Protein backbone atom coordinates (compact mmCIF):
# COMPACT_ATOMS: atom_id res chain seq x y z
CA MET A 1 0.14 -0.24 -0.11
CA SER A 2 1.37 3.60 -1.08
CA GLY A 3 1.77 6.13 1.85
CA THR A 4 0.56 9.60 1.87
CA GLY A 5 4.06 11.08 2.90
CA GLY A 6 7.30 10.57 2.45
CA ARG A 7 9.25 9.10 -1.18
CA GLY A 8 9.45 5.46 -0.35
CA GLY A 9 6.27 4.23 -0.74
CA GLY A 10 5.66 2.61 2.39
CA ALA A 11 2.69 2.58 4.88
CA PRO A 12 2.11 6.35 6.42
CA GLU A 13 2.78 4.59 9.97
CA ALA A 14 6.14 3.39 8.52
CA THR A 15 7.03 6.36 6.74
CA SER A 16 6.26 8.54 9.97
CA GLY A 17 8.03 6.21 12.36
CA THR A 18 11.10 6.75 9.96
CA GLY A 19 10.66 10.33 10.16
CA VAL A 20 10.54 10.21 14.00
CA ALA A 21 13.77 8.28 14.34
CA PHE A 22 15.57 10.52 11.86
CA GLU A 23 14.44 13.58 13.89
CA VAL A 24 15.45 12.24 17.17
CA ALA A 25 18.66 11.32 15.51
CA SER A 26 19.39 14.70 14.33
CA VAL A 27 18.36 16.19 18.01
CA ALA A 28 20.93 13.65 19.65
CA SER A 29 23.72 14.69 16.94
CA VAL A 30 23.35 18.44 17.66
CA GLN A 31 23.39 18.06 21.62
CA PHE A 32 26.54 15.24 21.47
CA GLY A 33 27.83 17.06 19.17
CA ALA A 34 27.79 20.17 21.64
CA GLY A 35 29.17 17.80 24.33
CA LEU A 36 32.16 16.67 22.44
CA ALA A 37 32.59 20.67 21.84
CA ALA A 38 32.48 21.22 25.50
CA ARG A 39 35.12 18.68 25.76
CA LEU A 40 37.70 20.80 23.34
CA PHE A 41 37.24 23.88 25.54
CA PRO A 42 40.15 23.02 27.98
CA LEU A 43 42.78 23.07 24.85
CA VAL A 44 41.59 25.62 22.15
CA GLY A 45 38.79 27.55 24.14
CA PRO A 46 34.86 28.25 22.82
CA LEU A 47 36.37 30.18 20.07
CA GLY A 48 38.72 27.81 18.81
CA THR A 49 36.38 25.51 19.10
CA VAL A 50 33.47 27.26 17.35
CA ALA A 51 36.24 28.43 14.74
CA MET A 52 36.78 24.37 13.82
CA ARG A 53 33.03 23.78 13.60
CA LEU A 54 32.41 26.85 10.88
CA GLY A 55 35.63 26.14 9.18
CA PHE A 56 34.93 22.57 8.64
CA ALA A 57 31.34 22.81 7.98
CA THR A 58 31.98 25.70 5.19
CA ILE A 59 34.30 23.06 3.67
CA VAL A 60 32.01 20.00 3.56
CA LEU A 61 28.89 22.54 2.30
CA THR A 62 30.85 23.75 -0.16
CA LEU A 63 31.86 20.98 -1.46
CA VAL A 64 28.20 19.58 -1.73
CA THR A 65 26.71 22.83 -2.99
CA ARG A 66 29.57 24.34 -4.93
CA PRO A 67 28.09 27.66 -4.67
CA TRP A 68 30.38 29.27 -7.17
CA ARG A 69 28.53 27.59 -10.02
CA ARG A 70 25.53 30.16 -9.42
CA ARG A 71 24.80 33.75 -10.34
CA TRP A 72 24.23 35.68 -7.31
CA THR A 73 21.73 38.63 -7.05
CA ARG A 74 22.33 41.44 -4.75
CA ALA A 75 19.10 40.28 -2.21
CA GLU A 76 20.52 36.88 -2.17
CA LEU A 77 23.99 38.11 -0.98
CA ARG A 78 22.49 40.54 1.14
CA ALA A 79 20.22 37.71 2.64
CA SER A 80 23.13 35.22 3.30
CA LEU A 81 25.09 37.95 4.75
CA VAL A 82 22.46 38.59 7.64
CA LEU A 83 22.34 34.78 7.62
CA GLY A 84 26.19 34.75 8.24
CA LEU A 85 26.10 37.46 10.54
CA SER A 86 23.26 35.94 12.96
CA PHE A 87 25.15 32.37 12.50
CA ALA A 88 28.26 33.94 13.85
CA ALA A 89 26.81 35.36 16.90
CA MET A 90 24.68 32.43 17.59
CA ASN A 91 27.26 29.77 17.42
CA THR A 92 29.96 32.15 19.21
CA THR A 93 27.93 33.10 22.20
CA LEU A 94 26.42 29.35 22.59
CA TYR A 95 29.92 28.36 23.08
CA LEU A 96 30.60 31.21 25.21
CA ALA A 97 27.85 29.97 27.33
CA LEU A 98 28.67 26.71 27.20
CA ALA A 99 32.24 27.34 28.96
CA ARG A 100 30.45 28.74 31.98
CA LEU A 101 26.88 26.92 32.55
CA PRO A 102 26.20 23.31 32.06
CA ILE A 103 25.05 21.95 28.44
CA ALA A 104 21.35 21.37 29.62
CA THR A 105 20.89 25.04 31.30
CA THR A 106 22.71 26.77 28.26
CA VAL A 107 20.52 24.90 25.58
CA THR A 108 17.26 25.68 27.32
CA LEU A 109 18.01 29.24 27.51
CA GLU A 110 19.02 29.38 24.10
CA PHE A 111 15.72 27.22 23.20
CA LEU A 112 13.80 30.83 24.50
CA GLY A 113 14.81 32.37 21.25
CA PRO A 114 12.67 30.27 18.94
CA LEU A 115 10.05 30.07 21.64
CA VAL A 116 9.35 33.68 22.08
CA LEU A 117 9.71 34.29 18.82
CA ALA A 118 6.68 31.74 18.19
CA ILE A 119 4.64 33.16 20.93
CA VAL A 120 5.14 36.96 19.92
CA THR A 121 4.18 36.22 16.50
CA ALA A 122 1.25 33.98 17.45
CA ALA A 123 -2.07 34.74 16.17
CA SER A 124 -3.90 33.79 18.97
CA TRP A 125 -3.91 34.03 23.13
CA GLY A 126 -4.20 30.17 23.55
CA VAL A 127 -0.60 30.28 21.54
CA ARG A 128 0.57 33.18 23.88
CA ALA A 129 -0.71 31.49 26.99
CA TRP A 130 2.12 29.26 27.00
CA ALA A 131 4.55 31.99 27.77
CA VAL A 132 3.45 31.10 31.32
CA PRO A 133 5.11 27.40 31.73
CA ALA A 134 8.01 28.82 29.90
CA GLY A 135 8.45 31.51 32.46
CA LEU A 136 8.03 28.89 35.40
CA GLY A 137 10.79 26.97 33.83
CA VAL A 138 13.18 29.82 33.40
CA ALA A 139 12.82 30.98 36.85
CA LEU A 140 13.38 27.34 38.22
CA LEU A 141 16.48 27.20 36.19
CA GLY A 142 17.30 30.98 37.56
CA GLY A 143 16.80 29.70 40.92
CA ALA A 144 19.52 27.22 40.45
CA LEU A 145 22.41 29.44 39.30
CA SER A 146 24.49 31.64 41.15
CA LEU A 147 25.90 35.17 40.54
CA ALA A 148 28.91 33.72 39.43
CA ASP A 149 26.90 32.04 36.30
CA LEU A 150 25.55 36.03 35.46
CA TRP A 151 27.88 36.01 31.99
CA GLY A 152 27.30 32.72 31.43
CA VAL A 153 23.34 33.51 31.17
CA VAL A 154 24.07 36.75 29.38
CA PHE A 155 25.79 34.89 26.72
CA ALA A 156 23.25 32.12 26.35
CA LEU A 157 20.24 34.53 26.08
CA THR A 158 22.51 36.51 23.21
CA ALA A 159 22.68 33.23 21.62
CA ALA A 160 18.94 33.12 22.07
CA ALA A 161 18.19 36.07 20.40
CA SER A 162 20.77 35.50 17.87
CA TRP A 163 18.61 31.99 17.16
CA ALA A 164 15.63 33.86 16.79
CA ALA A 165 17.36 36.52 14.19
CA TYR A 166 18.99 33.19 12.73
CA ILE A 167 15.18 31.70 11.98
CA ILE A 168 13.90 35.01 10.51
CA ALA A 169 17.35 35.27 8.30
CA ASN A 170 17.19 31.37 7.18
CA GLY A 171 13.64 31.72 6.24
CA ARG A 172 14.44 34.39 3.65
CA VAL A 173 16.86 32.69 2.08
CA GLY A 174 14.92 29.66 2.25
CA ARG A 175 12.51 31.59 0.02
CA SER A 176 15.11 32.76 -2.43
CA ASP A 177 16.60 30.92 -5.26
CA SER A 178 19.85 30.41 -3.63
CA GLY A 179 18.92 27.64 -1.15
CA LEU A 180 21.29 25.48 0.06
CA ALA A 181 23.98 27.75 -1.65
CA GLY A 182 22.94 30.56 0.41
CA LEU A 183 23.20 28.51 3.64
CA THR A 184 26.47 27.72 2.39
CA LEU A 185 27.40 31.41 1.74
CA GLY A 186 26.18 32.43 5.24
CA THR A 187 28.26 29.55 6.94
CA ALA A 188 31.27 30.58 5.21
CA ILE A 189 30.74 34.34 6.26
CA ALA A 190 30.30 33.50 9.76
CA ALA A 191 33.43 31.47 9.34
CA VAL A 192 35.50 34.10 7.86
CA ILE A 193 34.36 36.49 11.27
CA VAL A 194 35.08 33.85 13.58
CA VAL A 195 38.05 31.70 12.62
CA PRO A 196 40.79 34.70 12.73
CA PHE A 197 39.51 35.03 16.55
CA GLY A 198 39.70 31.47 17.13
CA VAL A 199 43.17 30.89 15.49
CA VAL A 200 44.25 33.60 17.77
CA THR A 201 43.16 32.71 20.94
CA ALA A 202 43.79 28.82 20.45
CA GLY A 203 47.13 29.20 19.20
CA SER A 204 49.50 26.20 18.07
CA ALA A 205 47.15 23.53 20.03
CA LEU A 206 44.49 23.83 17.24
CA TRP A 207 46.78 22.43 14.63
CA HIS A 208 47.19 19.28 16.48
CA PRO A 209 46.05 16.55 14.32
CA THR A 210 43.91 15.03 17.41
CA VAL A 211 42.04 18.33 18.13
CA LEU A 212 41.78 18.88 14.32
CA LEU A 213 40.12 15.27 14.12
CA ALA A 214 37.78 16.20 17.13
CA GLY A 215 36.86 19.43 15.39
CA LEU A 216 36.02 17.67 12.20
CA GLY A 217 33.80 15.40 14.63
CA VAL A 218 32.17 18.35 16.28
CA ALA A 219 31.53 20.39 12.73
CA VAL A 220 29.91 16.77 11.37
CA LEU A 221 27.84 16.17 14.53
CA SER A 222 26.65 19.48 14.65
CA SER A 223 25.84 20.78 11.51
CA ALA A 224 26.28 18.47 8.47
CA LEU A 225 24.80 15.14 9.98
CA PRO A 226 21.62 17.20 11.26
CA TYR A 227 20.95 19.21 8.47
CA SER A 228 20.76 15.77 6.50
CA LEU A 229 18.50 14.01 9.24
CA ASP A 230 16.16 17.13 9.45
CA LEU A 231 15.62 17.29 5.52
CA LEU A 232 14.60 13.56 5.62
CA ALA A 233 12.47 13.68 8.51
CA LEU A 234 10.80 16.82 6.97
CA GLN A 235 9.76 14.42 3.99
CA ARG A 236 8.26 12.28 6.39
CA LEU A 237 6.54 14.31 9.21
CA PRO A 238 3.74 16.86 9.33
CA THR A 239 4.81 20.39 11.09
CA ALA A 240 3.34 19.73 14.24
CA VAL A 241 5.12 16.36 14.81
CA PHE A 242 8.63 17.72 13.96
CA GLY A 243 8.11 20.69 15.66
CA VAL A 244 7.37 18.53 18.71
CA LEU A 245 10.41 16.34 18.18
CA THR A 246 12.68 19.40 18.05
CA SER A 247 11.20 20.60 21.62
CA LEU A 248 13.60 17.30 22.73
CA ASN A 249 16.57 19.52 22.34
CA PRO A 250 17.01 20.28 26.14
CA GLY A 251 16.21 17.10 27.27
CA MET A 252 18.69 15.73 25.20
CA ALA A 253 21.31 18.27 25.99
CA ALA A 254 20.67 17.18 29.95
CA LEU A 255 21.43 13.49 28.67
CA SER A 256 24.45 14.73 26.87
CA GLY A 257 25.71 16.68 29.81
CA LEU A 258 25.18 13.51 31.98
CA LEU A 259 26.87 11.04 29.82
CA VAL A 260 29.39 13.40 28.16
CA LEU A 261 30.56 15.89 30.42
CA ASP A 262 29.64 14.03 33.79
CA GLN A 263 27.08 17.28 34.61
CA PRO A 264 24.14 15.56 36.65
CA LEU A 265 21.26 18.25 37.46
CA SER A 266 19.22 18.51 40.35
CA VAL A 267 15.17 17.93 40.25
CA GLN A 268 14.55 21.94 40.44
CA GLU A 269 16.65 22.34 37.29
CA LEU A 270 15.19 19.16 35.31
CA VAL A 271 11.62 20.65 36.38
CA GLY A 272 12.76 23.73 34.86
CA ILE A 273 13.76 21.97 31.79
CA ALA A 274 10.25 19.93 31.23
CA LEU A 275 8.48 23.31 31.57
CA VAL A 276 10.16 25.12 29.02
CA MET A 277 10.03 21.68 26.76
CA LEU A 278 6.35 21.53 27.44
CA ALA A 279 5.92 25.17 26.47
CA SER A 280 7.74 24.79 23.30
CA ALA A 281 5.58 21.69 22.37
CA GLY A 282 2.36 23.33 23.26
CA VAL A 283 3.21 26.55 21.05
CA THR A 284 3.92 24.06 18.30
CA LEU A 285 0.52 21.87 18.70
CA ALA A 286 -1.86 24.87 19.54
CA PRO A 287 -2.53 26.39 16.14
CA ALA A 288 -2.09 22.79 14.61
CA ILE A 289 -4.88 21.59 16.76
CA THR A 290 -7.21 24.84 15.90
CA GLY A 291 -6.37 24.28 12.11
CA ARG A 292 -7.30 20.95 12.01
CA ARG A 293 -10.43 21.72 13.51
CA ARG A 294 -10.99 24.09 11.07
CA ARG A 295 -9.90 21.90 7.86
CA GLY A 296 -10.51 18.64 9.14
CA PRO A 297 -7.92 15.85 9.94
CA GLU A 298 -4.40 15.85 8.43
CA PRO A 299 -3.13 12.73 7.36
CA PHE A 300 -0.25 11.54 9.70
CA GLY A 301 2.43 11.11 6.81
CA ASP A 302 1.40 14.16 4.82
CA PRO A 303 5.01 16.01 3.73
CA LEU A 304 5.68 19.47 4.84
CA PRO A 305 5.04 22.05 2.48
CA PRO A 306 8.01 24.00 1.24
CA ALA A 307 9.45 26.57 3.73
């Protein structure tokens, strides 16, 4: 029997199950990549680590998309420039926060960027109401921090704002004709900004073969692999399901922190993270449920419309 979604011709349940597996693997890849990145901080520092991530990601994406083969319009170049600036800010402040805070706290605070953006731009108060559990979750996380963590919180919230800007910029690139080539150019711009600082601050340790290999691993786990898995998941899942699965990021960060960085969390912190995850899932599901009531049920395996 042919499925309604996906491109493999399987049953809808099988197609959707595969899509869920792809997206869970993507979330795990990103967060365990962040855990690996944090282990490099004692050797090359946060800036050296993000420089390797962006540098290697640029090389991989350039080889895949070959952006020199297309003609660029001014609008496309401007869109990629804004994307690159937001990408540089997001990655740099995220890693600076990771150097000061547990990975689960950092990722949860960073996750406020897309969450607040969704709430602010929501069309109904039913969606905006999910700001309440999000606020409670952040309050619980904040109560577990000390004054010494202030700069980490500042960097994490800056990463959150940069992530929101990145979403807007990435949407503009996605709507242009440049597609993945625009993403490649944006990543290259971010690398041009960050790599010189990383080289200066990391020094000769940056060029050690073991460090470079680990940096390549960070780039693959944090960029190349999740980009590919997201694409495969998007072909098999409806919008609401995909959005809910991305809400697993803070929880997966907590697991990465425990297994990779030996960072156990208190009950208070776990409850705070769970509330932010709940708010994210609620913001995603609320408009989908409202739309389904108006349109009728949506087949579970339907593919997403183009972004």
